[in-house]
Amino acid sequence: MELLLLNLQSPVVLAFALGMIARSLRSDLELPAAIQSYLAIFLLLAIGLKGGVALAGADLSGLVLLSLITILGGVISTLSAYGVARLWLKDPRIEAAALAAHYGCVSAVTFIAAHQFMEAAGEKPEALLITLVVLLEIPALLVGLSIGRIGLAARRRRREVLYEVLVSKSVVLLLGGLAIGAIAGPRGVAPVDAMYFGLFQGVLMLFMLDMGMLAASRLGELGSGWWRLALYATALPLIHGLAATALGLIAGLSAAGAAVFGTLFASASYIAAPAAVRAGLPQANAGRCITAALGITFPFNLLIGIPSFAAFARWLAS
């Protein structure tokens, strides 16, 4: 309860709530498209830089094991998301595959929120976790697209989609920022420290305000059977997150690192996955996937998921 209250009092979460309230009241509040794009670029580059600076002096011996766990976990979580969509939601193969790609994939913004939450609680997650954000996207998208499309033409298309994922804005900025921070180190990054680190929280608040407005606008698209999708979009991420939190501790992460690791698997992509699914499975209902990921899972993780994984990690580590 203490962790939950701490998260509810966070300016980041409150900004998200303000955005949802503003859109629900039909306010004319709106961020220009150019500003929305800038905020996303800033945050992705900043979190990459922060991780790179920390990696510059970190022991990377545990990265190989965590990378293998992440890739395997991404495959398993995608398959489980597909199976539950088929059995619980009664989705046809293509619709279930599209939903599975979103729920096996990762939300970089949710990762940032979990990282900030742990730091606000006085704990510091391991820097190498930023590299796992990218690793988790690839197996989920490949498995989801493979299930949805079968045959030689599909395999060729998957190679194209994989390339699109690897050169996408989120991957380029995260890996690019990571490389810049690791090469430059703390001293080299010092001249831009005030911008990318000092302004980070304020920019994140603006981004979350915009996300709140977008999430509120998506909720109206749920339609009939909304309660089944709502249960899917909350219970499945919670199970994935708790299991990954335990795995993170077994792999040697701190309690804070394990909580963030669990959040990675509990998150659902609403940036990279929609783009890949739109290209690889154009027949699928992409709007439904985004609505579930952004309108239900994202706020659920902000309010319930992240504090739950933190409490669970502390309990296991005690």
C-alpha atoms as a PDB file:
ATOM      1  CA  MET A   1       0.000   0.000   0.000  1.00  0.00           C
ATOM      2  CA  GLU A   2       2.906   2.342   0.761  1.00  0.00           C
ATOM      3  CA  LEU A   3       4.399   1.731  -2.691  1.00  0.00           C
ATOM      4  CA  LEU A   4       0.994   2.180  -4.317  1.00  0.00           C
ATOM      5  CA  LEU A   5       0.462   5.523  -2.577  1.00  0.00           C
ATOM      6  CA  LEU A   6       3.973   6.610  -3.566  1.00  0.00           C
ATOM      7  CA  ASN A   7       3.166   5.873  -7.200  1.00  0.00           C
ATOM      8  CA  LEU A   8      -0.222   7.604  -7.055  1.00  0.00           C
ATOM      9  CA  GLN A   9       1.464  10.744  -5.715  1.00  0.00           C
ATOM     10  CA  SER A  10       4.069  10.746  -8.472  1.00  0.00           C
ATOM     11  CA  PRO A  11       3.880  13.820 -10.772  1.00  0.00           C
ATOM     12  CA  VAL A  12       4.281  11.459 -13.736  1.00  0.00           C
ATOM     13  CA  VAL A  13       1.193   9.401 -12.829  1.00  0.00           C
ATOM     14  CA  LEU A  14      -0.770  12.523 -11.891  1.00  0.00           C
ATOM     15  CA  ALA A  15       0.065  14.064 -15.274  1.00  0.00           C
ATOM     16  CA  PHE A  16      -1.290  10.936 -16.974  1.00  0.00           C
ATOM     17  CA  ALA A  17      -4.481  11.209 -14.888  1.00  0.00           C
ATOM     18  CA  LEU A  18      -4.808  14.898 -15.819  1.00  0.00           C
ATOM     19  CA  GLY A  19      -4.625  13.988 -19.502  1.00  0.00           C
ATOM     20  CA  MET A  20      -7.374  11.370 -19.107  1.00  0.00           C
ATOM     21  CA  ILE A  21      -9.577  13.827 -17.188  1.00  0.00           C
ATOM     22  CA  ALA A  22      -9.015  16.581 -19.754  1.00  0.00           C
ATOM     23  CA  ARG A  23     -10.023  14.315 -22.632  1.00  0.00           C
ATOM     24  CA  SER A  24     -13.008  12.921 -20.700  1.00  0.00           C
ATOM     25  CA  LEU A  25     -14.231  16.501 -20.120  1.00  0.00           C
ATOM     26  CA  ARG A  26     -13.711  17.227 -23.843  1.00  0.00           C
ATOM     27  CA  SER A  27     -11.237  19.981 -23.137  1.00  0.00           C
ATOM     28  CA  ASP A  28      -9.525  21.634 -26.112  1.00  0.00           C
ATOM     29  CA  LEU A  29      -6.131  20.771 -24.570  1.00  0.00           C
ATOM     30  CA  GLU A  30      -3.928  19.246 -27.275  1.00  0.00           C
ATOM     31  CA  LEU A  31      -0.191  18.906 -27.861  1.00  0.00           C
ATOM     32  CA  PRO A  32       0.908  19.664 -31.447  1.00  0.00           C
ATOM     33  CA  ALA A  33       2.097  16.633 -33.426  1.00  0.00           C
ATOM     34  CA  ALA A  34       5.610  18.072 -33.730  1.00  0.00           C
ATOM     35  CA  ILE A  35       5.838  18.429 -29.936  1.00  0.00           C
ATOM     36  CA  GLN A  36       4.586  14.882 -29.436  1.00  0.00           C
ATOM     37  CA  SER A  37       7.317  13.563 -31.736  1.00  0.00           C
ATOM     38  CA  TYR A  38       9.989  15.655 -30.023  1.00  0.00           C
ATOM     39  CA  LEU A  39       9.015  14.440 -26.554  1.00  0.00           C
ATOM     40  CA  ALA A  40       9.283  10.791 -27.639  1.00  0.00           C
ATOM     41  CA  ILE A  41      12.687  11.379 -29.272  1.00  0.00           C
ATOM     42  CA  PHE A  42      13.973  13.227 -26.196  1.00  0.00           C
ATOM     43  CA  LEU A  43      12.886  10.545 -23.731  1.00  0.00           C
ATOM     44  CA  LEU A  44      14.237   7.603 -25.733  1.00  0.00           C
ATOM     45  CA  LEU A  45      17.602   9.279 -26.308  1.00  0.00           C
ATOM     46  CA  ALA A  46      17.828  10.405 -22.677  1.00  0.00           C
ATOM     47  CA  ILE A  47      17.142   6.959 -21.221  1.00  0.00           C
ATOM     48  CA  GLY A  48      19.676   5.477 -23.633  1.00  0.00           C
ATOM     49  CA  LEU A  49      22.283   8.039 -22.581  1.00  0.00           C
ATOM     50  CA  LYS A  50      21.583   7.405 -18.916  1.00  0.00           C
ATOM     51  CA  GLY A  51      21.986   3.679 -19.355  1.00  0.00           C
ATOM     52  CA  GLY A  52      25.172   4.113 -21.392  1.00  0.00           C
ATOM     53  CA  VAL A  53      26.802   6.311 -18.766  1.00  0.00           C
ATOM     54  CA  ALA A  54      26.001   3.749 -16.086  1.00  0.00           C
ATOM     55  CA  LEU A  55      27.257   0.905 -18.284  1.00  0.00           C
ATOM     56  CA  ALA A  56      30.593   2.678 -18.784  1.00  0.00           C
ATOM     57  CA  GLY A  57      31.740   1.592 -15.332  1.00  0.00           C
ATOM     58  CA  ALA A  58      29.519  -1.431 -14.743  1.00  0.00           C
ATOM     59  CA  ASP A  59      30.283  -5.138 -14.583  1.00  0.00           C
ATOM     60  CA  LEU A  60      28.628  -6.697 -17.629  1.00  0.00           C
ATOM     61  CA  SER A  61      29.262 -10.334 -16.682  1.00  0.00           C
ATOM     62  CA  GLY A  62      25.575 -10.951 -16.003  1.00  0.00           C
ATOM     63  CA  LEU A  63      24.369  -9.460 -19.289  1.00  0.00           C
ATOM     64  CA  VAL A  64      24.686 -12.698 -21.312  1.00  0.00           C
ATOM     65  CA  LEU A  65      22.504 -14.704 -18.922  1.00  0.00           C
ATOM     66  CA  LEU A  66      19.907 -11.944 -18.692  1.00  0.00           C
ATOM     67  CA  SER A  67      19.871 -11.584 -22.478  1.00  0.00           C
ATOM     68  CA  LEU A  68      19.155 -15.290 -22.929  1.00  0.00           C
ATOM     69  CA  ILE A  69      16.423 -15.181 -20.275  1.00  0.00           C
ATOM     70  CA  THR A  70      14.905 -12.113 -21.950  1.00  0.00           C
ATOM     71  CA  ILE A  71      14.805 -13.668 -25.421  1.00  0.00           C
ATOM     72  CA  LEU A  72      13.376 -16.956 -24.143  1.00  0.00           C
ATOM     73  CA  GLY A  73      10.915 -15.091 -21.936  1.00  0.00           C
ATOM     74  CA  GLY A  74       9.817 -12.978 -24.891  1.00  0.00           C
ATOM     75  CA  VAL A  75       8.999 -16.113 -26.895  1.00  0.00           C
ATOM     76  CA  ILE A  76       7.121 -17.730 -23.989  1.00  0.00           C
ATOM     77  CA  SER A  77       5.138 -14.605 -23.098  1.00  0.00           C
ATOM     78  CA  THR A  78       4.121 -14.123 -26.740  1.00  0.00           C
ATOM     79  CA  LEU A  79       2.990 -17.735 -27.058  1.00  0.00           C
ATOM     80  CA  SER A  80       1.030 -17.532 -23.816  1.00  0.00           C
ATOM     81  CA  ALA A  81      -0.594 -14.266 -24.938  1.00  0.00           C
ATOM     82  CA  TYR A  82      -1.600 -15.983 -28.184  1.00  0.00           C
ATOM     83  CA  GLY A  83      -2.993 -19.044 -26.405  1.00  0.00           C
ATOM     84  CA  VAL A  84      -5.045 -16.995 -23.944  1.00  0.00           C
ATOM     85  CA  ALA A  85      -6.397 -14.815 -26.765  1.00  0.00           C
ATOM     86  CA  ARG A  86      -7.541 -17.929 -28.616  1.00  0.00           C
ATOM     87  CA  LEU A  87      -9.101 -19.617 -25.570  1.00  0.00           C
ATOM     88  CA  TRP A  88     -10.421 -16.689 -23.528  1.00  0.00           C
ATOM     89  CA  LEU A  89     -11.182 -14.057 -26.176  1.00  0.00           C
ATOM     90  CA  LYS A  90     -12.133 -16.639 -28.833  1.00  0.00           C
ATOM     91  CA  ASP A  91     -10.052 -14.667 -31.350  1.00  0.00           C
ATOM     92  CA  PRO A  92      -9.300 -16.059 -34.816  1.00  0.00           C
ATOM     93  CA  ARG A  93      -5.652 -16.878 -35.518  1.00  0.00           C
ATOM     94  CA  ILE A  94      -4.663 -13.555 -37.094  1.00  0.00           C
ATOM     95  CA  GLU A  95      -6.340 -11.403 -34.421  1.00  0.00           C
ATOM     96  CA  ALA A  96      -4.803 -13.484 -31.613  1.00  0.00           C
ATOM     97  CA  ALA A  97      -1.373 -13.304 -33.258  1.00  0.00           C
ATOM     98  CA  ALA A  98      -1.588  -9.513 -33.552  1.00  0.00           C
ATOM     99  CA  LEU A  99      -2.596  -9.176 -29.901  1.00  0.00           C
ATOM    100  CA  ALA A 100       0.189 -11.573 -28.856  1.00  0.00           C
ATOM    101  CA  ALA A 101       2.793  -9.494 -30.702  1.00  0.00           C
ATOM    102  CA  HIS A 102       1.721  -6.420 -28.711  1.00  0.00           C
ATOM    103  CA  TYR A 103       1.714  -8.241 -25.350  1.00  0.00           C
ATOM    104  CA  GLY A 104       4.979 -10.077 -25.926  1.00  0.00           C
ATOM    105  CA  CYS A 105       6.629  -6.840 -26.966  1.00  0.00           C
ATOM    106  CA  VAL A 106       7.764  -4.096 -24.571  1.00  0.00           C
ATOM    107  CA  SER A 107       6.743  -0.505 -23.850  1.00  0.00           C
ATOM    108  CA  ALA A 108       9.777   1.743 -23.453  1.00  0.00           C
ATOM    109  CA  VAL A 109       7.639   4.370 -21.696  1.00  0.00           C
ATOM    110  CA  THR A 110       6.460   1.840 -19.096  1.00  0.00           C
ATOM    111  CA  PHE A 111      10.103   0.865 -18.572  1.00  0.00           C
ATOM    112  CA  ILE A 112      10.971   4.527 -17.978  1.00  0.00           C
ATOM    113  CA  ALA A 113       8.079   4.892 -15.519  1.00  0.00           C
ATOM    114  CA  ALA A 114       9.201   1.791 -13.576  1.00  0.00           C
ATOM    115  CA  HIS A 115      12.807   3.017 -13.523  1.00  0.00           C
ATOM    116  CA  GLN A 116      11.745   6.427 -12.217  1.00  0.00           C
ATOM    117  CA  PHE A 117       9.461   4.831  -9.637  1.00  0.00           C
ATOM    118  CA  MET A 118      12.283   2.733  -8.181  1.00  0.00           C
ATOM    119  CA  GLU A 119      14.628   5.718  -8.072  1.00  0.00           C
ATOM    120  CA  ALA A 120      11.932   7.764  -6.308  1.00  0.00           C
ATOM    121  CA  ALA A 121      11.687   4.947  -3.760  1.00  0.00           C
ATOM    122  CA  GLY A 122      15.431   5.315  -3.113  1.00  0.00           C
ATOM    123  CA  GLU A 123      16.553   2.237  -5.046  1.00  0.00           C
ATOM    124  CA  LYS A 124      18.691   2.080  -8.187  1.00  0.00           C
ATOM    125  CA  PRO A 125      18.027  -0.607 -10.833  1.00  0.00           C
ATOM    126  CA  GLU A 126      20.940  -2.042 -12.823  1.00  0.00           C
ATOM    127  CA  ALA A 127      21.977  -0.008 -15.867  1.00  0.00           C
ATOM    128  CA  LEU A 128      22.186  -3.012 -18.182  1.00  0.00           C
ATOM    129  CA  LEU A 129      18.379  -3.335 -18.134  1.00  0.00           C
ATOM    130  CA  ILE A 130      18.119  -0.751 -20.921  1.00  0.00           C
ATOM    131  CA  THR A 131      19.704  -3.194 -23.369  1.00  0.00           C
ATOM    132  CA  LEU A 132      16.959  -5.727 -22.617  1.00  0.00           C
ATOM    133  CA  VAL A 133      14.253  -3.328 -23.815  1.00  0.00           C
ATOM    134  CA  VAL A 134      15.421  -3.811 -27.396  1.00  0.00           C
ATOM    135  CA  LEU A 135      16.084  -7.546 -26.995  1.00  0.00           C
ATOM    136  CA  LEU A 136      12.533  -8.176 -25.846  1.00  0.00           C
ATOM    137  CA  GLU A 137      10.933  -6.560 -28.900  1.00  0.00           C
ATOM    138  CA  ILE A 138      12.492  -8.783 -31.562  1.00  0.00           C
ATOM    139  CA  PRO A 139      11.353 -12.313 -30.480  1.00  0.00           C
ATOM    140  CA  ALA A 140       7.838 -11.121 -29.711  1.00  0.00           C
ATOM    141  CA  LEU A 141       7.357  -9.557 -33.130  1.00  0.00           C
ATOM    142  CA  LEU A 142       8.895 -12.502 -34.963  1.00  0.00           C
ATOM    143  CA  VAL A 143       6.799 -15.076 -33.091  1.00  0.00           C
ATOM    144  CA  GLY A 144       3.592 -13.062 -33.462  1.00  0.00           C
ATOM    145  CA  LEU A 145       4.109 -12.527 -37.181  1.00  0.00           C
ATOM    146  CA  SER A 146       5.152 -16.155 -37.679  1.00  0.00           C
ATOM    147  CA  ILE A 147       1.920 -17.391 -36.128  1.00  0.00           C
ATOM    148  CA  GLY A 148      -0.174 -14.970 -38.130  1.00  0.00           C
ATOM    149  CA  ARG A 149       1.468 -15.640 -41.479  1.00  0.00           C
ATOM    150  CA  ILE A 150       2.736 -19.011 -42.749  1.00  0.00           C
ATOM    151  CA  GLY A 151       4.746 -19.855 -45.871  1.00  0.00           C
ATOM    152  CA  LEU A 152       7.727 -18.669 -47.903  1.00  0.00           C
ATOM    153  CA  ALA A 153       6.219 -15.299 -48.720  1.00  0.00           C
ATOM    154  CA  ALA A 154       5.498 -14.780 -45.051  1.00  0.00           C
ATOM    155  CA  ARG A 155       9.092 -15.608 -44.113  1.00  0.00           C
ATOM    156  CA  ARG A 156      10.356 -13.105 -46.642  1.00  0.00           C
ATOM    157  CA  ARG A 157       7.961 -10.522 -45.240  1.00  0.00           C
ATOM    158  CA  ARG A 158       9.118 -11.261 -41.697  1.00  0.00           C
ATOM    159  CA  ARG A 159      12.702 -10.447 -42.720  1.00  0.00           C
ATOM    160  CA  GLU A 160      11.502  -7.095 -43.993  1.00  0.00           C
ATOM    161  CA  VAL A 161       9.573  -6.446 -40.783  1.00  0.00           C
ATOM    162  CA  LEU A 162      12.606  -7.445 -38.683  1.00  0.00           C
ATOM    163  CA  TYR A 163      14.696  -4.909 -40.564  1.00  0.00           C
ATOM    164  CA  GLU A 164      12.039  -2.260 -40.006  1.00  0.00           C
ATOM    165  CA  VAL A 165      12.083  -3.029 -36.271  1.00  0.00           C
ATOM    166  CA  LEU A 166      15.883  -2.850 -36.056  1.00  0.00           C
ATOM    167  CA  VAL A 167      16.026   0.545 -37.786  1.00  0.00           C
ATOM    168  CA  SER A 168      12.909   1.946 -36.107  1.00  0.00           C
ATOM    169  CA  LYS A 169      13.070   5.211 -34.198  1.00  0.00           C
ATOM    170  CA  SER A 170      12.803   3.611 -30.762  1.00  0.00           C
ATOM    171  CA  VAL A 171      15.568   1.055 -31.355  1.00  0.00           C
ATOM    172  CA  VAL A 172      17.937   3.530 -33.042  1.00  0.00           C
ATOM    173  CA  LEU A 173      17.520   6.113 -30.273  1.00  0.00           C
ATOM    174  CA  LEU A 174      17.803   3.633 -27.402  1.00  0.00           C
ATOM    175  CA  LEU A 175      20.851   1.819 -28.798  1.00  0.00           C
ATOM    176  CA  GLY A 176      22.379   5.038 -30.136  1.00  0.00           C
ATOM    177  CA  GLY A 177      22.005   6.797 -26.794  1.00  0.00           C
ATOM    178  CA  LEU A 178      23.380   3.724 -25.033  1.00  0.00           C
ATOM    179  CA  ALA A 179      26.456   3.725 -27.281  1.00  0.00           C
ATOM    180  CA  ILE A 180      27.022   7.479 -26.906  1.00  0.00           C
ATOM    181  CA  GLY A 181      26.766   7.306 -23.119  1.00  0.00           C
ATOM    182  CA  ALA A 182      29.029   4.250 -22.858  1.00  0.00           C
ATOM    183  CA  ILE A 183      31.702   5.732 -25.159  1.00  0.00           C
ATOM    184  CA  ALA A 184      31.627   9.266 -23.748  1.00  0.00           C
ATOM    185  CA  GLY A 185      31.315   8.227 -20.096  1.00  0.00           C
ATOM    186  CA  PRO A 186      30.258  10.525 -17.242  1.00  0.00           C
ATOM    187  CA  ARG A 187      32.866  13.175 -18.057  1.00  0.00           C
ATOM    188  CA  GLY A 188      32.029  13.323 -21.752  1.00  0.00           C
ATOM    189  CA  VAL A 189      28.273  13.548 -21.141  1.00  0.00           C
ATOM    190  CA  ALA A 190      28.660  16.284 -18.506  1.00  0.00           C
ATOM    191  CA  PRO A 191      28.100  19.211 -20.964  1.00  0.00           C
ATOM    192  CA  VAL A 192      24.613  17.883 -21.869  1.00  0.00           C
ATOM    193  CA  ASP A 193      23.789  16.594 -18.390  1.00  0.00           C
ATOM    194  CA  ALA A 194      21.553  19.565 -17.556  1.00  0.00           C
ATOM    195  CA  MET A 195      19.387  19.012 -20.625  1.00  0.00           C
ATOM    196  CA  TYR A 196      19.018  15.246 -20.855  1.00  0.00           C
ATOM    197  CA  PHE A 197      19.102  14.414 -17.141  1.00  0.00           C
ATOM    198  CA  GLY A 198      18.035  17.640 -15.430  1.00  0.00           C
ATOM    199  CA  LEU A 199      14.968  18.185 -17.635  1.00  0.00           C
ATOM    200  CA  PHE A 200      14.018  14.516 -17.886  1.00  0.00           C
ATOM    201  CA  GLN A 201      11.238  14.527 -15.290  1.00  0.00           C
ATOM    202  CA  GLY A 202       9.582  17.638 -16.708  1.00  0.00           C
ATOM    203  CA  VAL A 203       9.601  16.296 -20.266  1.00  0.00           C
ATOM    204  CA  LEU A 204       8.280  12.950 -19.032  1.00  0.00           C
ATOM    205  CA  MET A 205       5.358  14.766 -17.365  1.00  0.00           C
ATOM    206  CA  LEU A 206       4.409  16.421 -20.661  1.00  0.00           C
ATOM    207  CA  PHE A 207       4.656  13.105 -22.468  1.00  0.00           C
ATOM    208  CA  MET A 208       2.468  11.372 -19.890  1.00  0.00           C
ATOM    209  CA  LEU A 209      -0.083  14.182 -20.132  1.00  0.00           C
ATOM    210  CA  ASP A 210      -0.340  13.470 -23.857  1.00  0.00           C
ATOM    211  CA  MET A 211      -0.492   9.704 -23.220  1.00  0.00           C
ATOM    212  CA  GLY A 212      -3.375  10.232 -20.797  1.00  0.00           C
ATOM    213  CA  MET A 213      -5.361  12.102 -23.434  1.00  0.00           C
ATOM    214  CA  LEU A 214      -4.638   9.436 -26.037  1.00  0.00           C
ATOM    215  CA  ALA A 215      -5.549   6.589 -23.663  1.00  0.00           C
ATOM    216  CA  ALA A 216      -8.867   8.213 -22.745  1.00  0.00           C
ATOM    217  CA  SER A 217      -9.754   8.639 -26.421  1.00  0.00           C
ATOM    218  CA  ARG A 218      -9.039   4.941 -27.104  1.00  0.00           C
ATOM    219  CA  LEU A 219     -11.274   3.556 -24.364  1.00  0.00           C
ATOM    220  CA  GLY A 220     -14.399   4.273 -26.380  1.00  0.00           C
ATOM    221  CA  GLU A 221     -13.258   1.807 -29.071  1.00  0.00           C
ATOM    222  CA  LEU A 222     -13.579  -1.324 -26.908  1.00  0.00           C
ATOM    223  CA  GLY A 223     -17.127  -2.167 -27.999  1.00  0.00           C
ATOM    224  CA  SER A 224     -18.885  -5.371 -27.006  1.00  0.00           C
ATOM    225  CA  GLY A 225     -16.987  -7.953 -25.004  1.00  0.00           C
ATOM    226  CA  TRP A 226     -14.956  -5.194 -23.402  1.00  0.00           C
ATOM    227  CA  TRP A 227     -14.825  -6.962 -20.027  1.00  0.00           C
ATOM    228  CA  ARG A 228     -13.095 -10.014 -21.521  1.00  0.00           C
ATOM    229  CA  LEU A 229     -10.475  -7.821 -23.182  1.00  0.00           C
ATOM    230  CA  ALA A 230     -10.086  -5.761 -19.995  1.00  0.00           C
ATOM    231  CA  LEU A 231      -9.422  -8.907 -17.945  1.00  0.00           C
ATOM    232  CA  TYR A 232      -6.970 -10.126 -20.590  1.00  0.00           C
ATOM    233  CA  ALA A 233      -5.151  -6.769 -20.580  1.00  0.00           C
ATOM    234  CA  THR A 234      -4.727  -6.743 -16.796  1.00  0.00           C
ATOM    235  CA  ALA A 235      -4.475 -10.345 -15.556  1.00  0.00           C
ATOM    236  CA  LEU A 236      -2.073 -11.548 -18.267  1.00  0.00           C
ATOM    237  CA  PRO A 237       0.456  -8.696 -17.778  1.00  0.00           C
ATOM    238  CA  LEU A 238       0.280  -9.180 -14.003  1.00  0.00           C
ATOM    239  CA  ILE A 239       1.107 -12.900 -14.324  1.00  0.00           C
ATOM    240  CA  HIS A 240       3.918 -12.208 -16.815  1.00  0.00           C
ATOM    241  CA  GLY A 241       5.320  -9.477 -14.592  1.00  0.00           C
ATOM    242  CA  LEU A 242       5.327 -11.479 -11.364  1.00  0.00           C
ATOM    243  CA  ALA A 243       6.981 -14.467 -13.069  1.00  0.00           C
ATOM    244  CA  ALA A 244       9.649 -12.246 -14.662  1.00  0.00           C
ATOM    245  CA  THR A 245      10.298 -10.493 -11.347  1.00  0.00           C
ATOM    246  CA  ALA A 246      11.068 -13.837  -9.727  1.00  0.00           C
ATOM    247  CA  LEU A 247      13.297 -14.803 -12.682  1.00  0.00           C
ATOM    248  CA  GLY A 248      15.151 -11.527 -12.390  1.00  0.00           C
ATOM    249  CA  LEU A 249      16.004 -12.210  -8.761  1.00  0.00           C
ATOM    250  CA  ILE A 250      17.130 -15.749  -9.612  1.00  0.00           C
ATOM    251  CA  ALA A 251      19.349 -14.312 -12.358  1.00  0.00           C
ATOM    252  CA  GLY A 252      21.106 -12.106  -9.799  1.00  0.00           C
ATOM    253  CA  LEU A 253      19.345  -8.758 -10.164  1.00  0.00           C
ATOM    254  CA  SER A 254      18.685  -6.549  -7.160  1.00  0.00           C
ATOM    255  CA  ALA A 255      15.117  -6.181  -5.910  1.00  0.00           C
ATOM    256  CA  ALA A 256      14.827  -2.864  -7.772  1.00  0.00           C
ATOM    257  CA  GLY A 257      16.264  -4.368 -10.949  1.00  0.00           C
ATOM    258  CA  ALA A 258      13.989  -7.412 -10.713  1.00  0.00           C
ATOM    259  CA  ALA A 259      10.925  -5.155 -10.347  1.00  0.00           C
ATOM    260  CA  VAL A 260      11.884  -3.229 -13.487  1.00  0.00           C
ATOM    261  CA  PHE A 261      12.656  -6.518 -15.279  1.00  0.00           C
ATOM    262  CA  GLY A 262       9.190  -7.763 -14.350  1.00  0.00           C
ATOM    263  CA  THR A 263       7.663  -4.544 -15.657  1.00  0.00           C
ATOM    264  CA  LEU A 264       9.280  -5.163 -19.050  1.00  0.00           C
ATOM    265  CA  PHE A 265       7.329  -8.401 -19.438  1.00  0.00           C
ATOM    266  CA  ALA A 266       4.146  -6.874 -18.016  1.00  0.00           C
ATOM    267  CA  SER A 267       4.134  -3.997 -20.482  1.00  0.00           C
ATOM    268  CA  ALA A 268       2.478  -4.004 -23.900  1.00  0.00           C
ATOM    269  CA  SER A 269       3.807  -2.135 -26.912  1.00  0.00           C
ATOM    270  CA  TYR A 270       1.772   0.643 -28.513  1.00  0.00           C
ATOM    271  CA  ILE A 271       4.568   2.090 -30.687  1.00  0.00           C
ATOM    272  CA  ALA A 272       6.814  -0.585 -32.233  1.00  0.00           C
ATOM    273  CA  ALA A 273       4.300  -3.464 -32.333  1.00  0.00           C
ATOM    274  CA  PRO A 274       1.492  -1.544 -34.090  1.00  0.00           C
ATOM    275  CA  ALA A 275       3.885  -0.481 -36.846  1.00  0.00           C
ATOM    276  CA  ALA A 276       5.212  -4.025 -37.335  1.00  0.00           C
ATOM    277  CA  VAL A 277       1.771  -5.648 -37.192  1.00  0.00           C
ATOM    278  CA  ARG A 278       0.357  -3.100 -39.625  1.00  0.00           C
ATOM    279  CA  ALA A 279       3.068  -4.077 -42.100  1.00  0.00           C
ATOM    280  CA  GLY A 280       3.122  -7.838 -41.455  1.00  0.00           C
ATOM    281  CA  LEU A 281      -0.552  -8.532 -40.638  1.00  0.00           C
ATOM    282  CA  PRO A 282      -2.560  -5.832 -42.407  1.00  0.00           C
ATOM    283  CA  GLN A 283      -5.778  -7.865 -41.991  1.00  0.00           C
ATOM    284  CA  ALA A 284      -5.626  -7.633 -38.186  1.00  0.00           C
ATOM    285  CA  ASN A 285      -7.576  -5.074 -36.141  1.00  0.00           C
ATOM    286  CA  ALA A 286      -4.653  -2.894 -35.032  1.00  0.00           C
ATOM    287  CA  GLY A 287      -6.933  -0.374 -33.321  1.00  0.00           C
ATOM    288  CA  ARG A 288      -8.201  -3.006 -30.891  1.00  0.00           C
ATOM    289  CA  CYS A 289      -4.629  -3.984 -29.972  1.00  0.00           C
ATOM    290  CA  ILE A 290      -3.579  -0.385 -29.347  1.00  0.00           C
ATOM    291  CA  THR A 291      -6.716   0.267 -27.297  1.00  0.00           C
ATOM    292  CA  ALA A 292      -5.969  -2.692 -25.030  1.00  0.00           C
ATOM    293  CA  ALA A 293      -2.255  -1.894 -24.708  1.00  0.00           C
ATOM    294  CA  LEU A 294      -2.536   1.855 -24.221  1.00  0.00           C
ATOM    295  CA  GLY A 295      -6.030   2.297 -22.820  1.00  0.00           C
ATOM    296  CA  ILE A 296      -5.997  -0.571 -20.307  1.00  0.00           C
ATOM    297  CA  THR A 297      -2.575  -2.172 -19.727  1.00  0.00           C
ATOM    298  CA  PHE A 298      -0.549   1.038 -19.610  1.00  0.00           C
ATOM    299  CA  PRO A 299      -2.587   2.776 -16.857  1.00  0.00           C
ATOM    300  CA  PHE A 300      -2.958  -0.554 -15.028  1.00  0.00           C
ATOM    301  CA  ASN A 301       0.825  -0.892 -14.853  1.00  0.00           C
ATOM    302  CA  LEU A 302       1.239   2.709 -13.717  1.00  0.00           C
ATOM    303  CA  LEU A 303      -1.280   2.340 -10.897  1.00  0.00           C
ATOM    304  CA  ILE A 304      -1.099  -1.324  -9.871  1.00  0.00           C
ATOM    305  CA  GLY A 305       1.535  -3.273 -11.786  1.00  0.00           C
ATOM    306  CA  ILE A 306       4.750  -1.411 -10.992  1.00  0.00           C
ATOM    307  CA  PRO A 307       4.069  -1.102  -7.216  1.00  0.00           C
ATOM    308  CA  SER A 308       3.039  -4.788  -7.162  1.00  0.00           C
ATOM    309  CA  PHE A 309       6.261  -5.944  -8.816  1.00  0.00           C
ATOM    310  CA  ALA A 310       8.303  -3.765  -6.460  1.00  0.00           C
ATOM    311  CA  ALA A 311       6.546  -5.191  -3.387  1.00  0.00           C
ATOM    312  CA  PHE A 312       6.835  -8.744  -4.722  1.00  0.00           C
ATOM    313  CA  ALA A 313      10.569  -8.312  -5.419  1.00  0.00           C
ATOM    314  CA  ARG A 314      11.177  -6.932  -1.915  1.00  0.00           C
ATOM    315  CA  TRP A 315       9.215  -9.795  -0.378  1.00  0.00           C
ATOM    316  CA  LEU A 316      11.158 -12.436  -2.320  1.00  0.00           C
ATOM    317  CA  ALA A 317      14.497 -10.775  -1.559  1.00  0.00           C
ATOM    318  CA  SER A 318      13.802 -10.512   2.185  1.00  0.00           C
END
